[in-house]
C-alpha atoms as a PDB file:
ATOM      1  CA  UNK A   1       8.547   8.335 -33.490  1.00  0.00           C
ATOM      2  CA  UNK A   2       5.069   8.173 -34.886  1.00  0.00           C
ATOM      3  CA  UNK A   3       1.936  10.132 -34.012  1.00  0.00           C
ATOM      4  CA  UNK A   4       0.711   7.025 -32.124  1.00  0.00           C
ATOM      5  CA  UNK A   5       3.450   5.647 -30.657  1.00  0.00           C
ATOM      6  CA  UNK A   6       3.535   5.533 -26.522  1.00  0.00           C
ATOM      7  CA  UNK A   7       5.374   7.935 -24.638  1.00  0.00           C
ATOM      8  CA  UNK A   8       7.836   7.088 -22.130  1.00  0.00           C
ATOM      9  CA  UNK A   9       8.427   8.375 -18.253  1.00  0.00           C
ATOM     10  CA  UNK A  10      10.960   6.922 -15.815  1.00  0.00           C
ATOM     11  CA  UNK A  11       9.451   4.383 -13.427  1.00  0.00           C
ATOM     12  CA  UNK A  12       9.580   6.860  -9.969  1.00  0.00           C
ATOM     13  CA  UNK A  13       7.352   9.315 -12.398  1.00  0.00           C
ATOM     14  CA  UNK A  14       5.418   6.713 -13.539  1.00  0.00           C
ATOM     15  CA  UNK A  15       4.610   5.622  -9.709  1.00  0.00           C
ATOM     16  CA  UNK A  16       4.376   9.368  -8.632  1.00  0.00           C
ATOM     17  CA  UNK A  17       1.626   9.697 -11.764  1.00  0.00           C
ATOM     18  CA  UNK A  18      -0.383   7.018 -10.265  1.00  0.00           C
ATOM     19  CA  UNK A  19       0.196   8.157  -6.770  1.00  0.00           C
ATOM     20  CA  UNK A  20      -1.705  11.752  -7.854  1.00  0.00           C
ATOM     21  CA  UNK A  21      -3.891   9.209  -9.916  1.00  0.00           C
ATOM     22  CA  UNK A  22      -5.304   8.332  -6.528  1.00  0.00           C
ATOM     23  CA  UNK A  23      -5.748  11.736  -5.085  1.00  0.00           C
ATOM     24  CA  UNK A  24      -2.379  11.854  -2.903  1.00  0.00           C
ATOM     25  CA  UNK A  25      -1.346  15.263  -2.020  1.00  0.00           C
ATOM     26  CA  UNK A  26       1.874  14.255   0.509  1.00  0.00           C
ATOM     27  CA  UNK A  27       3.888  11.918   1.196  1.00  0.00           C
ATOM     28  CA  UNK A  28       5.748  11.404   4.631  1.00  0.00           C
ATOM     29  CA  UNK A  29       9.261   9.856   4.927  1.00  0.00           C
ATOM     30  CA  UNK A  30      12.899  10.590   5.557  1.00  0.00           C
ATOM     31  CA  UNK A  31      15.458  10.880   2.336  1.00  0.00           C
ATOM     32  CA  UNK A  32      17.952   8.425   3.548  1.00  0.00           C
ATOM     33  CA  UNK A  33      20.604   6.873   1.254  1.00  0.00           C
ATOM     34  CA  UNK A  34      19.036   5.512  -2.019  1.00  0.00           C
ATOM     35  CA  UNK A  35      15.664   7.580  -2.048  1.00  0.00           C
ATOM     36  CA  UNK A  36      16.889  10.389  -3.745  1.00  0.00           C
ATOM     37  CA  UNK A  37      15.809   9.951  -7.268  1.00  0.00           C
ATOM     38  CA  UNK A  38      12.404   8.822  -6.402  1.00  0.00           C
ATOM     39  CA  UNK A  39      12.537  12.340  -3.949  1.00  0.00           C
ATOM     40  CA  UNK A  40      13.766  13.965  -6.936  1.00  0.00           C
ATOM     41  CA  UNK A  41      10.227  12.923  -8.561  1.00  0.00           C
ATOM     42  CA  UNK A  42       8.571  13.816  -5.671  1.00  0.00           C
ATOM     43  CA  UNK A  43       9.549  17.161  -5.799  1.00  0.00           C
ATOM     44  CA  UNK A  44       8.969  17.771  -8.904  1.00  0.00           C
ATOM     45  CA  UNK A  45       5.403  17.186  -8.872  1.00  0.00           C
ATOM     46  CA  UNK A  46       2.265  18.173  -7.498  1.00  0.00           C
ATOM     47  CA  UNK A  47       2.720  15.610  -4.152  1.00  0.00           C
ATOM     48  CA  UNK A  48       4.179  17.208  -1.093  1.00  0.00           C
ATOM     49  CA  UNK A  49       7.052  15.726   0.486  1.00  0.00           C
ATOM     50  CA  UNK A  50       6.559  15.658   4.054  1.00  0.00           C
ATOM     51  CA  UNK A  51       9.995  15.058   6.182  1.00  0.00           C
ATOM     52  CA  UNK A  52       9.549  13.728   9.398  1.00  0.00           C
ATOM     53  CA  UNK A  53      12.143  13.619  12.396  1.00  0.00           C
ATOM     54  CA  UNK A  54      11.988   9.517  11.965  1.00  0.00           C
ATOM     55  CA  UNK A  55      11.150   6.879   9.563  1.00  0.00           C
ATOM     56  CA  UNK A  56       8.772   5.877  12.728  1.00  0.00           C
ATOM     57  CA  UNK A  57       7.060   9.454  12.863  1.00  0.00           C
ATOM     58  CA  UNK A  58       6.285   9.144   8.639  1.00  0.00           C
ATOM     59  CA  UNK A  59       4.727   5.394   9.110  1.00  0.00           C
ATOM     60  CA  UNK A  60       1.967   6.833  11.817  1.00  0.00           C
ATOM     61  CA  UNK A  61       1.939  10.235   9.773  1.00  0.00           C
ATOM     62  CA  UNK A  62       1.125   8.025   6.720  1.00  0.00           C
ATOM     63  CA  UNK A  63      -1.464   6.145   9.045  1.00  0.00           C
ATOM     64  CA  UNK A  64      -3.356   9.295  10.339  1.00  0.00           C
ATOM     65  CA  UNK A  65      -3.255  10.895   6.448  1.00  0.00           C
ATOM     66  CA  UNK A  66      -5.030   7.337   5.332  1.00  0.00           C
ATOM     67  CA  UNK A  67      -7.526   7.290   7.850  1.00  0.00           C
ATOM     68  CA  UNK A  68      -8.333  11.395   7.393  1.00  0.00           C
ATOM     69  CA  UNK A  69      -9.156  11.146   3.815  1.00  0.00           C
ATOM     70  CA  UNK A  70     -10.339   7.509   4.180  1.00  0.00           C
ATOM     71  CA  UNK A  71      -8.040   6.807   1.047  1.00  0.00           C
ATOM     72  CA  UNK A  72      -4.449   6.039   0.422  1.00  0.00           C
ATOM     73  CA  UNK A  73      -1.439   7.081   2.298  1.00  0.00           C
ATOM     74  CA  UNK A  74       2.274   6.829   1.100  1.00  0.00           C
ATOM     75  CA  UNK A  75       5.701   6.536   3.269  1.00  0.00           C
ATOM     76  CA  UNK A  76       9.371   6.488   2.382  1.00  0.00           C
ATOM     77  CA  UNK A  77      12.157   5.639   3.566  1.00  0.00           C
ATOM     78  CA  UNK A  78      15.619   3.844   2.589  1.00  0.00           C
ATOM     79  CA  UNK A  79      16.123   0.518   2.858  1.00  0.00           C
ATOM     80  CA  UNK A  80      17.027  -1.676   6.414  1.00  0.00           C
ATOM     81  CA  UNK A  81      17.973   1.146   8.792  1.00  0.00           C
ATOM     82  CA  UNK A  82      15.076   3.042   7.619  1.00  0.00           C
ATOM     83  CA  UNK A  83      12.316   0.426   6.530  1.00  0.00           C
ATOM     84  CA  UNK A  84      12.805  -1.136   9.994  1.00  0.00           C
ATOM     85  CA  UNK A  85      12.401   1.930  12.073  1.00  0.00           C
ATOM     86  CA  UNK A  86       8.768   2.482  10.068  1.00  0.00           C
ATOM     87  CA  UNK A  87       7.589  -1.235  10.279  1.00  0.00           C
ATOM     88  CA  UNK A  88       5.449  -0.556  13.729  1.00  0.00           C
ATOM     89  CA  UNK A  89       3.516   1.791  12.167  1.00  0.00           C
ATOM     90  CA  UNK A  90       2.752  -0.400   9.505  1.00  0.00           C
ATOM     91  CA  UNK A  91       1.659  -2.965  11.847  1.00  0.00           C
ATOM     92  CA  UNK A  92      -0.417  -0.788  13.851  1.00  0.00           C
ATOM     93  CA  UNK A  93      -1.625  -0.116   9.746  1.00  0.00           C
ATOM     94  CA  UNK A  94      -2.424  -3.258   8.554  1.00  0.00           C
ATOM     95  CA  UNK A  95      -4.166  -4.393  12.322  1.00  0.00           C
ATOM     96  CA  UNK A  96      -6.564  -1.102  11.765  1.00  0.00           C
ATOM     97  CA  UNK A  97      -7.415  -2.314   7.921  1.00  0.00           C
ATOM     98  CA  UNK A  98      -5.406   1.123   6.193  1.00  0.00           C
ATOM     99  CA  UNK A  99      -4.187   1.417   2.997  1.00  0.00           C
ATOM    100  CA  UNK A 100      -0.599   2.670   3.280  1.00  0.00           C
ATOM    101  CA  UNK A 101       2.244   2.617   0.897  1.00  0.00           C
ATOM    102  CA  UNK A 102       5.869   2.110   1.747  1.00  0.00           C
ATOM    103  CA  UNK A 103       7.980   2.779  -0.962  1.00  0.00           C
ATOM    104  CA  UNK A 104      11.386   1.791  -0.331  1.00  0.00           C
ATOM    105  CA  UNK A 105      14.660   3.096  -2.082  1.00  0.00           C
ATOM    106  CA  UNK A 106      17.315  -0.291  -1.990  1.00  0.00           C
ATOM    107  CA  UNK A 107      20.634  -0.266  -2.987  1.00  0.00           C
ATOM    108  CA  UNK A 108      21.384  -0.586  -6.530  1.00  0.00           C
ATOM    109  CA  UNK A 109      20.440  -4.252  -8.560  1.00  0.00           C
ATOM    110  CA  UNK A 110      24.661  -4.675  -9.180  1.00  0.00           C
ATOM    111  CA  UNK A 111      25.247  -4.591  -6.028  1.00  0.00           C
ATOM    112  CA  UNK A 112      22.763  -6.523  -4.991  1.00  0.00           C
ATOM    113  CA  UNK A 113      23.437  -9.377  -7.288  1.00  0.00           C
ATOM    114  CA  UNK A 114      26.867  -9.099  -6.055  1.00  0.00           C
ATOM    115  CA  UNK A 115      26.255  -9.870  -2.591  1.00  0.00           C
ATOM    116  CA  UNK A 116      28.197  -6.975  -1.912  1.00  0.00           C
ATOM    117  CA  UNK A 117      28.641  -5.801   1.498  1.00  0.00           C
ATOM    118  CA  UNK A 118      27.702  -2.389   1.136  1.00  0.00           C
ATOM    119  CA  UNK A 119      25.694   0.378   3.318  1.00  0.00           C
ATOM    120  CA  UNK A 120      22.047  -0.706   5.071  1.00  0.00           C
ATOM    121  CA  UNK A 121      23.036  -4.352   4.687  1.00  0.00           C
ATOM    122  CA  UNK A 122      23.435  -7.227   7.374  1.00  0.00           C
ATOM    123  CA  UNK A 123      26.573  -7.938   5.273  1.00  0.00           C
ATOM    124  CA  UNK A 124      25.661 -11.481   4.108  1.00  0.00           C
ATOM    125  CA  UNK A 125      24.534 -10.548   0.900  1.00  0.00           C
ATOM    126  CA  UNK A 126      20.756 -10.892   2.139  1.00  0.00           C
ATOM    127  CA  UNK A 127      18.953  -7.883   0.515  1.00  0.00           C
ATOM    128  CA  UNK A 128      15.907  -9.654   0.824  1.00  0.00           C
ATOM    129  CA  UNK A 129      15.915  -9.979   4.084  1.00  0.00           C
ATOM    130  CA  UNK A 130      14.034  -6.564   5.366  1.00  0.00           C
ATOM    131  CA  UNK A 131      11.556  -7.346   2.573  1.00  0.00           C
ATOM    132  CA  UNK A 132      10.676 -10.623   4.776  1.00  0.00           C
ATOM    133  CA  UNK A 133      10.432  -9.208   8.124  1.00  0.00           C
ATOM    134  CA  UNK A 134       7.280  -6.728   6.494  1.00  0.00           C
ATOM    135  CA  UNK A 135       5.358 -10.029   4.613  1.00  0.00           C
ATOM    136  CA  UNK A 136       3.188 -10.807   7.852  1.00  0.00           C
ATOM    137  CA  UNK A 137       2.209  -6.560   7.893  1.00  0.00           C
ATOM    138  CA  UNK A 138       1.255  -6.236   3.717  1.00  0.00           C
ATOM    139  CA  UNK A 139      -1.222  -7.350   1.662  1.00  0.00           C
ATOM    140  CA  UNK A 140       1.347  -6.838  -1.738  1.00  0.00           C
ATOM    141  CA  UNK A 141       4.902  -6.692  -2.483  1.00  0.00           C
ATOM    142  CA  UNK A 142       6.925  -5.831  -5.344  1.00  0.00           C
ATOM    143  CA  UNK A 143      10.936  -5.750  -5.061  1.00  0.00           C
ATOM    144  CA  UNK A 144      11.480  -4.003  -8.842  1.00  0.00           C
ATOM    145  CA  UNK A 145      14.138  -5.824 -10.394  1.00  0.00           C
ATOM    146  CA  UNK A 146      15.619  -5.841 -13.784  1.00  0.00           C
ATOM    147  CA  UNK A 147      14.152  -8.820 -15.057  1.00  0.00           C
ATOM    148  CA  UNK A 148      10.675  -6.850 -14.624  1.00  0.00           C
ATOM    149  CA  UNK A 149      11.870  -4.205 -16.887  1.00  0.00           C
ATOM    150  CA  UNK A 150      13.264  -6.798 -19.926  1.00  0.00           C
ATOM    151  CA  UNK A 151       9.788  -8.507 -19.750  1.00  0.00           C
ATOM    152  CA  UNK A 152       8.407  -5.384 -20.181  1.00  0.00           C
ATOM    153  CA  UNK A 153       5.921  -5.462 -17.122  1.00  0.00           C
ATOM    154  CA  UNK A 154       7.565  -3.306 -14.623  1.00  0.00           C
ATOM    155  CA  UNK A 155       3.972  -0.790 -14.511  1.00  0.00           C
ATOM    156  CA  UNK A 156       1.974  -3.912 -14.780  1.00  0.00           C
ATOM    157  CA  UNK A 157       3.678  -5.086 -11.634  1.00  0.00           C
ATOM    158  CA  UNK A 158       3.602  -2.000  -9.978  1.00  0.00           C
ATOM    159  CA  UNK A 159       0.113  -1.045 -10.907  1.00  0.00           C
ATOM    160  CA  UNK A 160      -1.406  -4.533  -9.012  1.00  0.00           C
ATOM    161  CA  UNK A 161       0.347  -3.364  -5.869  1.00  0.00           C
ATOM    162  CA  UNK A 162      -0.675  -0.035  -5.425  1.00  0.00           C
ATOM    163  CA  UNK A 163      -4.769  -2.001  -6.773  1.00  0.00           C
ATOM    164  CA  UNK A 164      -3.970  -4.645  -3.968  1.00  0.00           C
ATOM    165  CA  UNK A 165      -3.629  -1.808  -1.237  1.00  0.00           C
ATOM    166  CA  UNK A 166      -6.665   0.395  -2.384  1.00  0.00           C
ATOM    167  CA  UNK A 167      -8.743  -3.033  -2.812  1.00  0.00           C
ATOM    168  CA  UNK A 168      -7.895  -4.843   0.340  1.00  0.00           C
ATOM    169  CA  UNK A 169      -7.458  -1.713   2.329  1.00  0.00           C
ATOM    170  CA  UNK A 170      -3.941  -3.158   4.360  1.00  0.00           C
ATOM    171  CA  UNK A 171      -0.272  -1.688   3.762  1.00  0.00           C
ATOM    172  CA  UNK A 172       1.606  -2.804   0.549  1.00  0.00           C
ATOM    173  CA  UNK A 173       5.287  -2.342  -0.198  1.00  0.00           C
ATOM    174  CA  UNK A 174       7.799  -1.284  -3.124  1.00  0.00           C
ATOM    175  CA  UNK A 175      10.781  -1.673  -3.110  1.00  0.00           C
ATOM    176  CA  UNK A 176      12.830   0.372  -5.564  1.00  0.00           C
ATOM    177  CA  UNK A 177      16.557   0.105  -6.337  1.00  0.00           C
ATOM    178  CA  UNK A 178      18.121   3.751  -7.020  1.00  0.00           C
ATOM    179  CA  UNK A 179      19.494   3.004 -10.669  1.00  0.00           C
ATOM    180  CA  UNK A 180      15.727   1.603 -11.747  1.00  0.00           C
ATOM    181  CA  UNK A 181      13.763   4.714 -10.545  1.00  0.00           C
ATOM    182  CA  UNK A 182      14.940   6.557 -13.752  1.00  0.00           C
ATOM    183  CA  UNK A 183      14.736   3.962 -16.132  1.00  0.00           C
ATOM    184  CA  UNK A 184      11.988   4.664 -18.678  1.00  0.00           C
ATOM    185  CA  UNK A 185       8.623   2.426 -19.065  1.00  0.00           C
ATOM    186  CA  UNK A 186       6.033   3.296 -21.602  1.00  0.00           C
ATOM    187  CA  UNK A 187       3.142   5.181 -20.130  1.00  0.00           C
ATOM    188  CA  UNK A 188       0.187   3.326 -22.016  1.00  0.00           C
ATOM    189  CA  UNK A 189      -1.043   1.806 -18.455  1.00  0.00           C
ATOM    190  CA  UNK A 190      -1.288   5.305 -17.369  1.00  0.00           C
ATOM    191  CA  UNK A 191      -4.573   5.488 -19.926  1.00  0.00           C
ATOM    192  CA  UNK A 192      -6.491   3.675 -17.962  1.00  0.00           C
ATOM    193  CA  UNK A 193      -6.831   4.834 -14.079  1.00  0.00           C
ATOM    194  CA  UNK A 194      -6.730   2.187 -11.509  1.00  0.00           C
ATOM    195  CA  UNK A 195      -9.306   1.361  -9.308  1.00  0.00           C
ATOM    196  CA  UNK A 196     -10.204  -0.613  -6.128  1.00  0.00           C
ATOM    197  CA  UNK A 197     -11.589  -3.738  -7.158  1.00  0.00           C
ATOM    198  CA  UNK A 198     -14.028  -6.181  -5.108  1.00  0.00           C
ATOM    199  CA  UNK A 199     -12.358  -9.101  -3.391  1.00  0.00           C
ATOM    200  CA  UNK A 200     -13.894 -12.247  -3.898  1.00  0.00           C
ATOM    201  CA  UNK A 201     -16.573 -13.340  -0.704  1.00  0.00           C
ATOM    202  CA  UNK A 202     -16.101 -16.605   1.012  1.00  0.00           C
ATOM    203  CA  UNK A 203     -19.474 -18.410   0.554  1.00  0.00           C
ATOM    204  CA  UNK A 204     -19.067 -20.159   3.497  1.00  0.00           C
ATOM    205  CA  UNK A 205     -17.241 -17.742   5.595  1.00  0.00           C
ATOM    206  CA  UNK A 206     -20.389 -15.107   4.213  1.00  0.00           C
ATOM    207  CA  UNK A 207     -22.843 -18.081   5.356  1.00  0.00           C
ATOM    208  CA  UNK A 208     -21.587 -18.880   8.902  1.00  0.00           C
ATOM    209  CA  UNK A 209     -21.604 -14.651   9.601  1.00  0.00           C
ATOM    210  CA  UNK A 210     -25.441 -15.169   8.324  1.00  0.00           C
ATOM    211  CA  UNK A 211     -26.331 -17.947  10.761  1.00  0.00           C
ATOM    212  CA  UNK A 212     -24.503 -16.392  13.402  1.00  0.00           C
ATOM    213  CA  UNK A 213     -26.961 -13.151  13.218  1.00  0.00           C
ATOM    214  CA  UNK A 214     -29.886 -15.545  12.940  1.00  0.00           C
ATOM    215  CA  UNK A 215     -29.106 -17.187  16.090  1.00  0.00           C
ATOM    216  CA  UNK A 216     -28.149 -13.987  17.622  1.00  0.00           C
ATOM    217  CA  UNK A 217     -31.189 -12.305  17.060  1.00  0.00           C
ATOM    218  CA  UNK A 218     -33.388 -15.257  17.479  1.00  0.00           C
ATOM    219  CA  UNK A 219     -31.650 -15.438  20.996  1.00  0.00           C
ATOM    220  CA  UNK A 220     -32.818 -12.183  21.856  1.00  0.00           C
ATOM    221  CA  UNK A 221     -35.968 -12.379  20.928  1.00  0.00           C
ATOM    222  CA  UNK A 222     -37.132 -15.282  22.560  1.00  0.00           C
ATOM    223  CA  UNK A 223     -36.174 -14.339  25.777  1.00  0.00           C
ATOM    224  CA  UNK A 224     -35.912 -11.300  28.539  1.00  0.00           C
ATOM    225  CA  UNK A 225     -34.353  -9.473  26.047  1.00  0.00           C
ATOM    226  CA  UNK A 226     -37.062  -9.636  23.606  1.00  0.00           C
ATOM    227  CA  UNK A 227     -37.024  -6.257  21.235  1.00  0.00           C
ATOM    228  CA  UNK A 228     -33.360  -4.928  22.623  1.00  0.00           C
ATOM    229  CA  UNK A 229     -30.853  -5.346  20.253  1.00  0.00           C
ATOM    230  CA  UNK A 230     -27.459  -4.051  19.773  1.00  0.00           C
ATOM    231  CA  UNK A 231     -25.674  -3.812  17.089  1.00  0.00           C
ATOM    232  CA  UNK A 232     -22.223  -2.592  17.236  1.00  0.00           C
ATOM    233  CA  UNK A 233     -20.319  -1.649  13.714  1.00  0.00           C
ATOM    234  CA  UNK A 234     -16.710  -1.454  13.691  1.00  0.00           C
ATOM    235  CA  UNK A 235     -14.462  -0.209  11.677  1.00  0.00           C
ATOM    236  CA  UNK A 236     -13.920  -2.127   8.944  1.00  0.00           C
ATOM    237  CA  UNK A 237     -17.490  -0.743   8.281  1.00  0.00           C
ATOM    238  CA  UNK A 238     -16.019   2.356   7.417  1.00  0.00           C
ATOM    239  CA  UNK A 239     -12.489   0.647   5.733  1.00  0.00           C
ATOM    240  CA  UNK A 240     -14.069  -1.062   3.003  1.00  0.00           C
ATOM    241  CA  UNK A 241     -16.888   1.858   2.583  1.00  0.00           C
ATOM    242  CA  UNK A 242     -19.802  -0.729   3.731  1.00  0.00           C
ATOM    243  CA  UNK A 243     -21.954   2.292   5.279  1.00  0.00           C
ATOM    244  CA  UNK A 244     -24.743   1.909   3.276  1.00  0.00           C
ATOM    245  CA  UNK A 245     -24.767  -1.597   3.755  1.00  0.00           C
ATOM    246  CA  UNK A 246     -24.733  -1.279   7.651  1.00  0.00           C
ATOM    247  CA  UNK A 247     -27.947   1.165   6.811  1.00  0.00           C
ATOM    248  CA  UNK A 248     -29.534  -1.337   4.986  1.00  0.00           C
ATOM    249  CA  UNK A 249     -28.991  -4.016   7.585  1.00  0.00           C
ATOM    250  CA  UNK A 250     -30.074  -1.982  10.892  1.00  0.00           C
ATOM    251  CA  UNK A 251     -33.627  -0.727   8.437  1.00  0.00           C
ATOM    252  CA  UNK A 252     -34.499  -4.442   7.612  1.00  0.00           C
ATOM    253  CA  UNK A 253     -34.027  -5.257  11.083  1.00  0.00           C
END
């Protein structure tokens, strides 16, 4: 191998490296079926595995962790019964605008392709049904497949889900078939740190909000409530790191 050739790393290790890069120091979960290889990657990293009594507790713990550190929280479960147990906590994180990444260990790809009746399924060959259940409560999803490996874009697709999660401050979902966790991919993308991207603002919605604010101030200053204005800033100010902008707004008004 030439000195300038890219190194390789397993997909599981790649995800762990990306989580370490985001400052994640603890992952919460229940090490059920199909999650073992990823748990091994966590155990051999600087991230602490925090086992919980059940998946719902793990989801709430990841939610609390994301609140406390004002950054990414991670919960890991097995497919089906495990992820469904966690979904109430994930839905809560969605409502509270928290960046929680849900990593799900899935059956091997050959079983999925054959539609086999195996453990943690509905017995009807629908291996993507549980991910569909999480769609209303996630901003981004990846069901990793052999196609991603063949096209050489598994790393880019993993990165996109993580960036979506931290940019939109909403839960996201990555499904890892257990036979793909140890597949090696290049490390070349790891040279660039993932950062939150700016979410484009709908100009019509922005103007509507500005018009609404002006109307409320006009009402306050033209009536009996003269010079008596209260501004209530909700949790989105914290989630989207807008405290300085909120302070500037208060000073300007």
